N, C-alpha and C. Protein backbone atom coordinates (compact mmCIF):
# COMPACT_ATOMS: atom_id res chain seq x y z
N UNK A 1 0.84 -1.17 0.00
CA UNK A 1 0.00 0.00 0.00
C UNK A 1 0.89 1.24 0.00
N UNK A 2 0.65 2.15 -0.91
CA UNK A 2 1.45 3.35 -1.00
C UNK A 2 1.03 4.38 0.04
N UNK A 3 1.86 5.42 0.19
CA UNK A 3 1.57 6.45 1.18
C UNK A 3 0.28 7.19 0.85
N UNK A 4 -0.05 7.27 -0.46
CA UNK A 4 -1.30 7.93 -0.83
C UNK A 4 -2.50 7.19 -0.25
N UNK A 5 -2.47 5.86 -0.30
CA UNK A 5 -3.57 5.06 0.24
C UNK A 5 -3.69 5.23 1.74
N UNK A 6 -2.58 5.25 2.43
CA UNK A 6 -2.62 5.44 3.88
C UNK A 6 -3.17 6.82 4.21
N UNK A 7 -2.75 7.82 3.48
CA UNK A 7 -3.26 9.17 3.70
C UNK A 7 -4.77 9.20 3.47
N UNK A 8 -5.22 8.53 2.42
CA UNK A 8 -6.65 8.49 2.13
C UNK A 8 -7.41 7.78 3.25
N UNK A 9 -6.88 6.67 3.76
CA UNK A 9 -7.53 5.96 4.86
C UNK A 9 -7.59 6.82 6.12
N UNK A 10 -6.53 7.56 6.37
CA UNK A 10 -6.52 8.44 7.55
C UNK A 10 -7.53 9.56 7.40
N UNK A 11 -7.70 10.04 6.18
CA UNK A 11 -8.69 11.08 5.92
C UNK A 11 -10.11 10.52 6.16
N UNK A 12 -10.36 9.32 5.67
CA UNK A 12 -11.66 8.70 5.90
C UNK A 12 -11.91 8.46 7.39
N UNK A 13 -10.88 8.02 8.09
CA UNK A 13 -11.01 7.81 9.53
C UNK A 13 -11.32 9.12 10.24
N UNK A 14 -10.63 10.18 9.87
CA UNK A 14 -10.87 11.50 10.48
C UNK A 14 -12.29 11.97 10.23
N UNK A 15 -12.80 11.74 9.02
CA UNK A 15 -14.17 12.12 8.70
C UNK A 15 -15.16 11.33 9.54
N UNK A 16 -14.91 10.03 9.71
CA UNK A 16 -15.79 9.18 10.51
C UNK A 16 -15.79 9.64 11.97
N UNK A 17 -14.63 9.95 12.50
CA UNK A 17 -14.51 10.43 13.87
C UNK A 17 -15.27 11.74 14.04
N UNK A 18 -15.15 12.61 13.06
CA UNK A 18 -15.88 13.89 13.09
C UNK A 18 -17.39 13.63 13.12
N UNK A 19 -17.86 12.69 12.32
CA UNK A 19 -19.30 12.37 12.28
C UNK A 19 -19.77 11.86 13.64
N UNK A 20 -19.00 10.99 14.27
CA UNK A 20 -19.36 10.50 15.61
C UNK A 20 -19.52 11.66 16.58
N UNK A 21 -18.54 12.55 16.59
CA UNK A 21 -18.58 13.68 17.52
C UNK A 21 -19.75 14.60 17.22
N UNK A 22 -20.02 14.80 15.95
CA UNK A 22 -21.14 15.65 15.55
C UNK A 22 -22.48 15.06 15.97
N UNK A 23 -22.64 13.76 15.78
CA UNK A 23 -23.90 13.10 16.18
C UNK A 23 -24.10 13.21 17.68
N UNK A 24 -23.06 12.97 18.45
CA UNK A 24 -23.17 13.05 19.91
C UNK A 24 -23.48 14.48 20.34
N UNK A 25 -22.92 15.45 19.66
CA UNK A 25 -23.16 16.85 20.02
C UNK A 25 -24.58 17.31 19.65
N UNK A 26 -25.13 16.76 18.57
CA UNK A 26 -26.40 17.27 18.06
C UNK A 26 -27.62 16.42 18.42
N UNK A 27 -27.45 15.14 18.60
CA UNK A 27 -28.60 14.27 18.91
C UNK A 27 -28.82 14.25 20.42
N UNK A 28 -30.07 14.05 20.81
CA UNK A 28 -30.37 13.98 22.23
C UNK A 28 -30.15 12.59 22.80
N UNK A 29 -30.42 11.55 21.99
CA UNK A 29 -30.31 10.19 22.49
C UNK A 29 -29.84 9.25 21.36
N UNK A 30 -28.57 9.37 20.97
CA UNK A 30 -28.06 8.53 19.88
C UNK A 30 -27.64 7.15 20.37
N UNK A 31 -27.45 6.25 19.41
CA UNK A 31 -27.05 4.88 19.71
C UNK A 31 -26.18 4.36 18.57
N UNK A 32 -25.30 3.43 18.88
CA UNK A 32 -24.50 2.75 17.86
C UNK A 32 -25.07 1.35 17.71
N UNK A 33 -25.43 0.98 16.48
CA UNK A 33 -25.95 -0.36 16.22
C UNK A 33 -24.77 -1.33 16.17
N UNK A 34 -24.86 -2.41 16.93
CA UNK A 34 -23.74 -3.35 17.07
C UNK A 34 -24.24 -4.77 16.85
N UNK A 35 -23.87 -5.34 15.71
CA UNK A 35 -24.32 -6.69 15.36
C UNK A 35 -23.31 -7.77 15.74
N UNK A 36 -22.16 -7.38 16.23
CA UNK A 36 -21.02 -8.23 16.56
C UNK A 36 -20.23 -8.58 15.29
N UNK A 37 -20.65 -8.06 14.16
CA UNK A 37 -19.97 -8.33 12.89
C UNK A 37 -18.81 -7.39 12.62
N UNK A 38 -18.19 -7.58 11.47
CA UNK A 38 -17.01 -6.79 11.10
C UNK A 38 -17.31 -5.30 10.99
N UNK A 39 -18.36 -4.96 10.26
CA UNK A 39 -18.66 -3.56 10.02
C UNK A 39 -18.97 -2.81 11.31
N UNK A 40 -19.83 -3.39 12.13
CA UNK A 40 -20.18 -2.68 13.37
C UNK A 40 -19.01 -2.68 14.35
N UNK A 41 -18.14 -3.67 14.28
CA UNK A 41 -16.94 -3.67 15.14
C UNK A 41 -15.99 -2.54 14.74
N UNK A 42 -15.91 -2.26 13.46
CA UNK A 42 -15.10 -1.12 13.00
C UNK A 42 -15.71 0.18 13.53
N UNK A 43 -17.04 0.29 13.49
CA UNK A 43 -17.68 1.49 14.02
C UNK A 43 -17.41 1.67 15.50
N UNK A 44 -17.43 0.60 16.25
CA UNK A 44 -17.14 0.69 17.69
C UNK A 44 -15.70 1.16 17.89
N UNK A 45 -14.78 0.65 17.10
CA UNK A 45 -13.38 1.09 17.21
C UNK A 45 -13.24 2.57 16.86
N UNK A 46 -13.94 3.01 15.82
CA UNK A 46 -13.92 4.43 15.47
C UNK A 46 -14.51 5.29 16.60
N UNK A 47 -15.56 4.80 17.23
CA UNK A 47 -16.15 5.53 18.35
C UNK A 47 -15.16 5.63 19.51
N UNK A 48 -14.41 4.55 19.75
CA UNK A 48 -13.38 4.60 20.80
C UNK A 48 -12.37 5.70 20.48
N UNK A 49 -11.93 5.75 19.24
CA UNK A 49 -10.95 6.76 18.84
C UNK A 49 -11.54 8.17 18.94
N UNK A 50 -12.82 8.31 18.60
CA UNK A 50 -13.45 9.63 18.61
C UNK A 50 -13.52 10.22 20.02
N UNK A 51 -13.65 9.37 21.03
CA UNK A 51 -13.86 9.87 22.38
C UNK A 51 -12.74 9.53 23.35
N UNK A 52 -11.63 9.03 22.81
CA UNK A 52 -10.46 8.71 23.62
C UNK A 52 -9.98 9.97 24.31
N UNK A 53 -9.58 9.99 25.54
CA UNK A 53 -9.35 8.85 26.42
C UNK A 53 -10.57 8.45 27.24
N UNK A 54 -11.70 9.10 27.00
CA UNK A 54 -12.92 8.73 27.72
C UNK A 54 -13.57 7.50 27.12
N UNK A 55 -14.64 7.07 27.76
CA UNK A 55 -15.38 5.93 27.22
C UNK A 55 -16.35 6.42 26.15
N UNK A 56 -16.85 5.51 25.37
CA UNK A 56 -17.83 5.86 24.35
C UNK A 56 -19.07 6.38 25.07
N UNK A 57 -19.50 7.62 24.78
CA UNK A 57 -20.57 8.24 25.56
C UNK A 57 -21.99 7.84 25.17
N UNK A 58 -22.13 6.97 24.20
CA UNK A 58 -23.46 6.52 23.80
C UNK A 58 -23.49 4.99 23.83
N UNK A 59 -24.66 4.42 24.07
CA UNK A 59 -24.72 2.97 24.18
C UNK A 59 -24.61 2.26 22.84
N UNK A 60 -24.28 0.99 22.93
CA UNK A 60 -24.31 0.10 21.77
C UNK A 60 -25.62 -0.68 21.86
N UNK A 61 -26.26 -0.88 20.72
CA UNK A 61 -27.51 -1.64 20.68
C UNK A 61 -27.31 -2.88 19.83
N UNK A 62 -27.51 -4.04 20.45
CA UNK A 62 -27.47 -5.29 19.71
C UNK A 62 -28.90 -5.83 19.60
N UNK A 63 -29.41 -5.91 18.38
CA UNK A 63 -30.71 -6.51 18.14
C UNK A 63 -30.46 -8.00 17.98
N UNK A 64 -30.85 -8.75 18.99
CA UNK A 64 -30.50 -10.16 19.13
C UNK A 64 -31.59 -11.06 18.55
N UNK A 65 -31.23 -11.83 17.53
CA UNK A 65 -32.17 -12.80 16.95
C UNK A 65 -32.22 -14.09 17.75
N UNK A 66 -31.26 -14.28 18.61
CA UNK A 66 -31.03 -15.50 19.41
C UNK A 66 -30.47 -16.63 18.57
N UNK A 67 -30.12 -16.37 17.32
CA UNK A 67 -29.65 -17.42 16.41
C UNK A 67 -28.14 -17.42 16.21
N UNK A 68 -27.40 -16.60 16.93
CA UNK A 68 -25.95 -16.58 16.78
C UNK A 68 -25.32 -17.69 17.62
N UNK A 69 -24.07 -18.00 17.31
CA UNK A 69 -23.32 -18.96 18.11
C UNK A 69 -23.11 -18.40 19.51
N UNK A 70 -23.13 -19.26 20.51
CA UNK A 70 -22.95 -18.83 21.90
C UNK A 70 -21.61 -18.10 22.10
N UNK A 71 -20.59 -18.52 21.34
CA UNK A 71 -19.29 -17.86 21.43
C UNK A 71 -19.39 -16.38 21.06
N UNK A 72 -20.26 -16.07 20.11
CA UNK A 72 -20.43 -14.67 19.71
C UNK A 72 -21.05 -13.85 20.84
N UNK A 73 -22.01 -14.43 21.52
CA UNK A 73 -22.62 -13.72 22.66
C UNK A 73 -21.61 -13.52 23.78
N UNK A 74 -20.79 -14.54 24.04
CA UNK A 74 -19.75 -14.39 25.07
C UNK A 74 -18.75 -13.31 24.67
N UNK A 75 -18.36 -13.31 23.38
CA UNK A 75 -17.44 -12.27 22.90
C UNK A 75 -18.07 -10.89 23.07
N UNK A 76 -19.33 -10.73 22.65
CA UNK A 76 -20.03 -9.45 22.75
C UNK A 76 -19.99 -8.94 24.19
N UNK A 77 -20.38 -9.79 25.12
CA UNK A 77 -20.45 -9.38 26.52
C UNK A 77 -19.08 -9.06 27.09
N UNK A 78 -18.09 -9.90 26.79
CA UNK A 78 -16.73 -9.68 27.30
C UNK A 78 -16.13 -8.41 26.70
N UNK A 79 -16.26 -8.26 25.38
CA UNK A 79 -15.65 -7.12 24.70
C UNK A 79 -16.26 -5.79 25.15
N UNK A 80 -17.57 -5.72 25.22
CA UNK A 80 -18.19 -4.46 25.62
C UNK A 80 -17.86 -4.11 27.07
N UNK A 81 -17.76 -5.12 27.91
CA UNK A 81 -17.36 -4.89 29.30
C UNK A 81 -15.91 -4.40 29.35
N UNK A 82 -15.06 -5.05 28.56
CA UNK A 82 -13.63 -4.71 28.52
C UNK A 82 -13.39 -3.26 28.10
N UNK A 83 -14.16 -2.77 27.14
CA UNK A 83 -13.95 -1.40 26.66
C UNK A 83 -14.81 -0.39 27.42
N UNK A 84 -15.62 -0.86 28.36
CA UNK A 84 -16.43 0.03 29.18
C UNK A 84 -17.63 0.61 28.46
N UNK A 85 -18.10 -0.08 27.43
CA UNK A 85 -19.26 0.41 26.68
C UNK A 85 -20.56 -0.03 27.34
N UNK A 86 -21.55 0.83 27.26
CA UNK A 86 -22.89 0.47 27.71
C UNK A 86 -23.55 -0.32 26.59
N UNK A 87 -24.06 -1.49 26.90
CA UNK A 87 -24.66 -2.37 25.91
C UNK A 87 -26.13 -2.59 26.22
N UNK A 88 -26.96 -2.39 25.20
CA UNK A 88 -28.37 -2.71 25.29
C UNK A 88 -28.62 -3.88 24.34
N UNK A 89 -29.20 -4.94 24.86
CA UNK A 89 -29.53 -6.11 24.03
C UNK A 89 -31.05 -6.14 23.91
N UNK A 90 -31.53 -6.15 22.67
CA UNK A 90 -32.98 -6.17 22.44
C UNK A 90 -33.35 -7.43 21.68
N UNK A 91 -34.35 -8.14 22.21
CA UNK A 91 -34.90 -9.32 21.54
C UNK A 91 -36.38 -9.05 21.29
N UNK A 92 -36.84 -9.35 20.10
CA UNK A 92 -38.26 -9.23 19.79
C UNK A 92 -38.95 -10.47 20.35
N UNK A 93 -39.18 -10.46 21.63
CA UNK A 93 -39.71 -11.63 22.35
C UNK A 93 -41.09 -12.05 21.84
N UNK A 94 -41.91 -11.06 21.48
CA UNK A 94 -43.25 -11.40 20.97
C UNK A 94 -43.14 -12.26 19.71
N UNK A 95 -42.25 -11.88 18.80
CA UNK A 95 -42.07 -12.64 17.56
C UNK A 95 -41.50 -14.02 17.86
N UNK A 96 -40.53 -14.11 18.78
CA UNK A 96 -39.95 -15.40 19.12
C UNK A 96 -41.01 -16.34 19.69
N UNK A 97 -41.88 -15.82 20.54
CA UNK A 97 -42.94 -16.64 21.12
C UNK A 97 -43.97 -17.03 20.07
N UNK A 98 -44.31 -16.09 19.18
CA UNK A 98 -45.34 -16.33 18.18
C UNK A 98 -44.92 -17.40 17.17
N UNK A 99 -43.70 -17.33 16.70
CA UNK A 99 -43.25 -18.27 15.66
C UNK A 99 -42.80 -19.59 16.26
N UNK A 100 -42.24 -19.54 17.45
CA UNK A 100 -41.86 -20.78 18.12
C UNK A 100 -40.43 -21.21 17.86
N UNK A 101 -40.16 -22.52 17.91
CA UNK A 101 -38.79 -23.03 17.84
C UNK A 101 -38.10 -22.71 16.51
N UNK A 102 -36.79 -22.81 16.54
CA UNK A 102 -35.95 -22.44 15.40
C UNK A 102 -36.36 -23.15 14.11
N UNK A 103 -36.88 -24.34 14.21
CA UNK A 103 -37.29 -25.09 13.02
C UNK A 103 -38.40 -24.38 12.24
N UNK A 104 -39.15 -23.53 12.90
CA UNK A 104 -40.26 -22.81 12.26
C UNK A 104 -39.82 -21.55 11.52
N UNK A 105 -38.59 -21.13 11.75
CA UNK A 105 -38.13 -19.86 11.20
C UNK A 105 -37.60 -20.02 9.79
N UNK A 106 -37.83 -19.00 8.97
CA UNK A 106 -37.24 -18.91 7.64
C UNK A 106 -36.39 -17.65 7.61
N UNK A 107 -35.53 -17.52 6.60
CA UNK A 107 -34.71 -16.31 6.49
C UNK A 107 -35.56 -15.04 6.38
N UNK A 108 -36.61 -15.03 5.54
CA UNK A 108 -37.43 -13.81 5.48
C UNK A 108 -38.11 -13.47 6.81
N UNK A 109 -38.61 -14.49 7.51
CA UNK A 109 -39.23 -14.23 8.82
C UNK A 109 -38.21 -13.65 9.80
N UNK A 110 -37.04 -14.26 9.85
CA UNK A 110 -35.98 -13.80 10.75
C UNK A 110 -35.60 -12.36 10.42
N UNK A 111 -35.37 -12.09 9.14
CA UNK A 111 -34.96 -10.75 8.73
C UNK A 111 -36.03 -9.72 9.07
N UNK A 112 -37.28 -10.05 8.80
CA UNK A 112 -38.34 -9.08 9.05
C UNK A 112 -38.66 -8.94 10.53
N UNK A 113 -39.06 -10.04 11.16
CA UNK A 113 -39.54 -9.96 12.54
C UNK A 113 -38.44 -9.72 13.57
N UNK A 114 -37.36 -10.45 13.45
CA UNK A 114 -36.33 -10.36 14.48
C UNK A 114 -35.35 -9.22 14.25
N UNK A 115 -35.01 -8.94 13.00
CA UNK A 115 -34.04 -7.87 12.73
C UNK A 115 -34.74 -6.54 12.49
N UNK A 116 -35.52 -6.43 11.42
CA UNK A 116 -36.12 -5.14 11.07
C UNK A 116 -37.12 -4.67 12.12
N UNK A 117 -38.12 -5.51 12.40
CA UNK A 117 -39.12 -5.11 13.39
C UNK A 117 -38.50 -4.99 14.79
N UNK A 118 -37.56 -5.86 15.08
CA UNK A 118 -36.85 -5.76 16.36
C UNK A 118 -36.11 -4.44 16.49
N UNK A 119 -35.45 -4.03 15.42
CA UNK A 119 -34.73 -2.75 15.43
C UNK A 119 -35.69 -1.59 15.62
N UNK A 120 -36.77 -1.60 14.88
CA UNK A 120 -37.76 -0.51 14.99
C UNK A 120 -38.29 -0.42 16.42
N UNK A 121 -38.64 -1.56 16.99
CA UNK A 121 -39.16 -1.57 18.37
C UNK A 121 -38.10 -1.08 19.37
N UNK A 122 -36.87 -1.55 19.19
CA UNK A 122 -35.79 -1.14 20.12
C UNK A 122 -35.55 0.36 20.05
N UNK A 123 -35.55 0.92 18.84
CA UNK A 123 -35.34 2.37 18.69
C UNK A 123 -36.48 3.15 19.34
N UNK A 124 -37.72 2.68 19.14
CA UNK A 124 -38.88 3.38 19.72
C UNK A 124 -38.91 3.24 21.24
N UNK A 125 -38.72 2.02 21.74
CA UNK A 125 -38.80 1.79 23.18
C UNK A 125 -37.75 2.56 23.96
N UNK A 126 -36.58 2.76 23.34
CA UNK A 126 -35.50 3.48 24.02
C UNK A 126 -35.46 4.96 23.64
N UNK A 127 -36.39 5.37 22.78
CA UNK A 127 -36.51 6.76 22.35
C UNK A 127 -35.21 7.31 21.73
N UNK A 128 -34.53 6.47 20.94
CA UNK A 128 -33.32 6.91 20.27
C UNK A 128 -33.70 7.84 19.11
N UNK A 129 -32.95 8.91 18.95
CA UNK A 129 -33.24 9.86 17.88
C UNK A 129 -32.18 9.85 16.78
N UNK A 130 -31.14 9.07 16.96
CA UNK A 130 -30.11 8.93 15.93
C UNK A 130 -29.43 7.58 16.11
N UNK A 131 -29.23 6.87 15.00
CA UNK A 131 -28.58 5.56 15.06
C UNK A 131 -27.40 5.57 14.11
N UNK A 132 -26.24 5.14 14.60
CA UNK A 132 -25.04 5.05 13.79
C UNK A 132 -24.81 3.59 13.48
N UNK A 133 -24.69 3.27 12.20
CA UNK A 133 -24.34 1.91 11.80
C UNK A 133 -25.49 1.15 11.21
N UNK A 134 -25.23 -0.13 11.04
CA UNK A 134 -26.23 -1.04 10.50
C UNK A 134 -26.28 -2.28 11.35
N UNK A 135 -27.45 -2.74 11.65
CA UNK A 135 -27.58 -3.93 12.48
C UNK A 135 -27.62 -5.11 11.58
């Protein structure tokens, strides 16, 4: 990678850090969406950089489908505790009860009820006015 690429990456990082700070300054109740995946993990790291040496001043929201590997949940809990982040875990319990065991679920049902509808409910119930990232 040439120096031009590194400079470009640093510029993108600086812009992302600026956006984090701007959202925190302007929103009343922002949140970072955290799926435990690569993209949202990068956002969490950028948030750490944006507010260093303090802790991330806004919570992380994980919309939990309950279908991830147990190791991922352990990682989520350990990592967020380690970095001092406030973590909110939201499960669309009504949908889980309505559809029943995992054998009854399809990808479209999971995406709609557990992810999309779960996210909408979590944002409303917590009165978040700005969300950073993608769940």
